[in-house]
Amino acid sequence: MATLPSLPSSTQKRDRTNENFSRATQRLMRRCNQLSDRYNADVYIVVRRNHRHYDYNSTNDPLFPTPLIDIVRKPIPGTYSYPLAIRRTPASFKQSRAITPLSPTSSPMTSQRDSEEDED
């Protein structure tokens, strides 16, 4: 099988990673702004890439965002108490799209038939 000739450097695609990141970050922050406006919610988000930080804060409140150290599990006398933060990680958004077929021994119909036989 013949190998394909390599493309000359003038026809190679340029790296658009920075542009794509910039657009994605802009869309994320626009979406955060919509969330804040529609639901009267305070939103704060930080994105860090290549030692640079990009942040969005929907309020000018100096006490927001609440430092993680102040978000406590149990009330501490004389301090504010907050419910636990709901933390999301990349694993929170992974969905398995693969559909695994049921084996004959684990199908719902088999287990239903087995339970009916046990009752007789």
Protein backbone atom coordinates (compact mmCIF):
# COMPACT_ATOMS: atom_id res chain seq x y z
CA MET A 1 0.00 0.00 0.00
CA ALA A 2 1.39 3.39 -0.98
CA THR A 3 1.87 6.07 1.63
CA LEU A 4 0.25 9.42 1.15
CA PRO A 5 2.61 12.35 0.69
CA SER A 6 2.77 14.71 3.63
CA LEU A 7 0.95 18.00 3.27
CA PRO A 8 3.04 21.09 2.67
CA SER A 9 3.19 23.40 5.67
CA SER A 10 1.10 26.05 3.89
CA THR A 11 -1.95 23.75 3.77
CA GLN A 12 -1.74 22.44 7.34
CA LYS A 13 -4.48 23.63 9.65
CA ARG A 14 -3.41 26.10 12.25
CA ASP A 15 -3.92 25.47 15.94
CA ARG A 16 -7.17 27.13 17.00
CA THR A 17 -7.11 25.88 20.57
CA ASN A 18 -6.78 29.35 22.09
CA GLU A 19 -9.61 30.75 19.97
CA ASN A 20 -11.86 27.80 20.77
CA PHE A 21 -11.09 28.14 24.48
CA SER A 22 -11.83 31.85 24.38
CA ARG A 23 -15.20 31.29 22.68
CA ALA A 24 -16.12 28.44 25.04
CA THR A 25 -15.26 30.55 28.09
CA GLN A 26 -17.27 33.48 26.73
CA ARG A 27 -20.29 31.20 26.14
CA LEU A 28 -19.98 29.76 29.65
CA MET A 29 -19.91 33.20 31.23
CA ARG A 30 -22.82 34.39 29.09
CA ARG A 31 -24.78 31.34 30.26
CA CYS A 32 -23.88 32.12 33.89
CA ASN A 33 -25.17 35.64 33.37
CA GLN A 34 -28.46 34.27 31.99
CA LEU A 35 -28.75 31.94 34.98
CA SER A 36 -28.22 34.85 37.34
CA ASP A 37 -30.78 37.05 35.56
CA ARG A 38 -33.49 34.43 35.08
CA TYR A 39 -33.41 32.87 38.53
CA ASN A 40 -32.12 35.75 40.67
CA ALA A 41 -29.15 33.59 41.67
CA ASP A 42 -25.66 34.67 42.63
CA VAL A 43 -23.17 32.96 40.33
CA TYR A 44 -19.41 32.76 40.62
CA ILE A 45 -17.18 30.70 38.38
CA VAL A 46 -13.42 30.48 37.91
CA VAL A 47 -11.67 28.92 34.95
CA ARG A 48 -7.92 28.33 35.12
CA ARG A 49 -5.88 27.50 32.05
CA ASN A 50 -2.13 27.82 31.54
CA HIS A 51 -1.70 29.62 34.89
CA ARG A 52 -4.27 32.29 33.91
CA HIS A 53 -7.55 32.76 35.74
CA TYR A 54 -10.82 33.84 34.15
CA ASP A 55 -13.67 34.57 36.51
CA TYR A 56 -17.28 35.67 36.43
CA ASN A 57 -19.14 37.08 39.41
CA SER A 58 -22.76 38.13 39.08
CA THR A 59 -22.72 40.34 42.16
CA ASN A 60 -20.55 43.05 43.66
CA ASP A 61 -21.14 41.68 47.15
CA PRO A 62 -17.71 41.46 48.84
CA LEU A 63 -18.90 38.48 50.90
CA PHE A 64 -19.66 36.42 47.80
CA PRO A 65 -18.44 33.85 47.00
CA THR A 66 -18.37 32.40 50.45
CA PRO A 67 -14.93 30.93 51.17
CA LEU A 68 -14.99 27.14 51.33
CA ILE A 69 -13.69 27.27 54.89
CA ASP A 70 -16.91 29.05 55.89
CA ILE A 71 -19.18 26.47 54.30
CA VAL A 72 -19.43 24.11 57.24
CA ARG A 73 -21.09 20.76 57.83
CA LYS A 74 -22.31 21.56 61.34
CA PRO A 75 -23.37 24.85 62.91
CA ILE A 76 -20.59 26.48 64.87
CA PRO A 77 -21.76 28.68 67.74
CA GLY A 78 -21.53 32.36 66.89
CA THR A 79 -20.96 31.88 63.16
CA TYR A 80 -23.06 31.52 60.07
CA SER A 81 -23.93 28.03 58.98
CA TYR A 82 -24.47 27.05 55.37
CA PRO A 83 -25.70 23.83 53.81
CA LEU A 84 -23.05 21.65 52.27
CA ALA A 85 -21.89 22.79 48.87
CA ILE A 86 -22.96 20.58 45.99
CA ARG A 87 -19.66 19.87 44.28
CA ARG A 88 -19.52 18.79 40.66
CA THR A 89 -16.55 17.06 39.07
CA PRO A 90 -16.01 15.78 35.53
CA ALA A 91 -17.31 12.40 36.69
CA SER A 92 -20.66 14.07 37.49
CA PHE A 93 -21.24 14.73 33.81
CA LYS A 94 -20.03 11.50 32.25
CA GLN A 95 -22.86 9.49 30.79
CA SER A 96 -22.53 5.99 29.52
CA ARG A 97 -24.02 5.82 26.08
CA ALA A 98 -23.22 2.17 25.58
CA ILE A 99 -26.24 -0.04 25.99
CA THR A 100 -25.27 -3.40 27.35
CA PRO A 101 -27.52 -6.27 26.34
CA LEU A 102 -29.14 -8.20 29.12
CA SER A 103 -28.00 -11.75 29.52
CA PRO A 104 -30.76 -14.39 29.51
CA THR A 105 -30.23 -15.04 33.21
CA SER A 106 -30.51 -11.39 34.18
CA SER A 107 -33.42 -10.28 32.02
CA PRO A 108 -36.50 -8.90 33.81
CA MET A 109 -38.72 -11.55 32.22
CA THR A 110 -36.51 -14.38 33.47
CA SER A 111 -36.47 -13.06 37.01
CA GLN A 112 -40.24 -12.50 36.87
CA ARG A 113 -40.83 -16.08 35.66
CA ASP A 114 -38.51 -17.42 38.36
CA SER A 115 -40.37 -15.54 41.08
CA GLU A 116 -43.74 -16.79 39.76
CA GLU A 117 -42.47 -20.38 39.85
CA ASP A 118 -41.30 -19.90 43.43
CA GLU A 119 -44.80 -18.79 44.47
CA ASP A 120 -46.46 -21.98 43.11
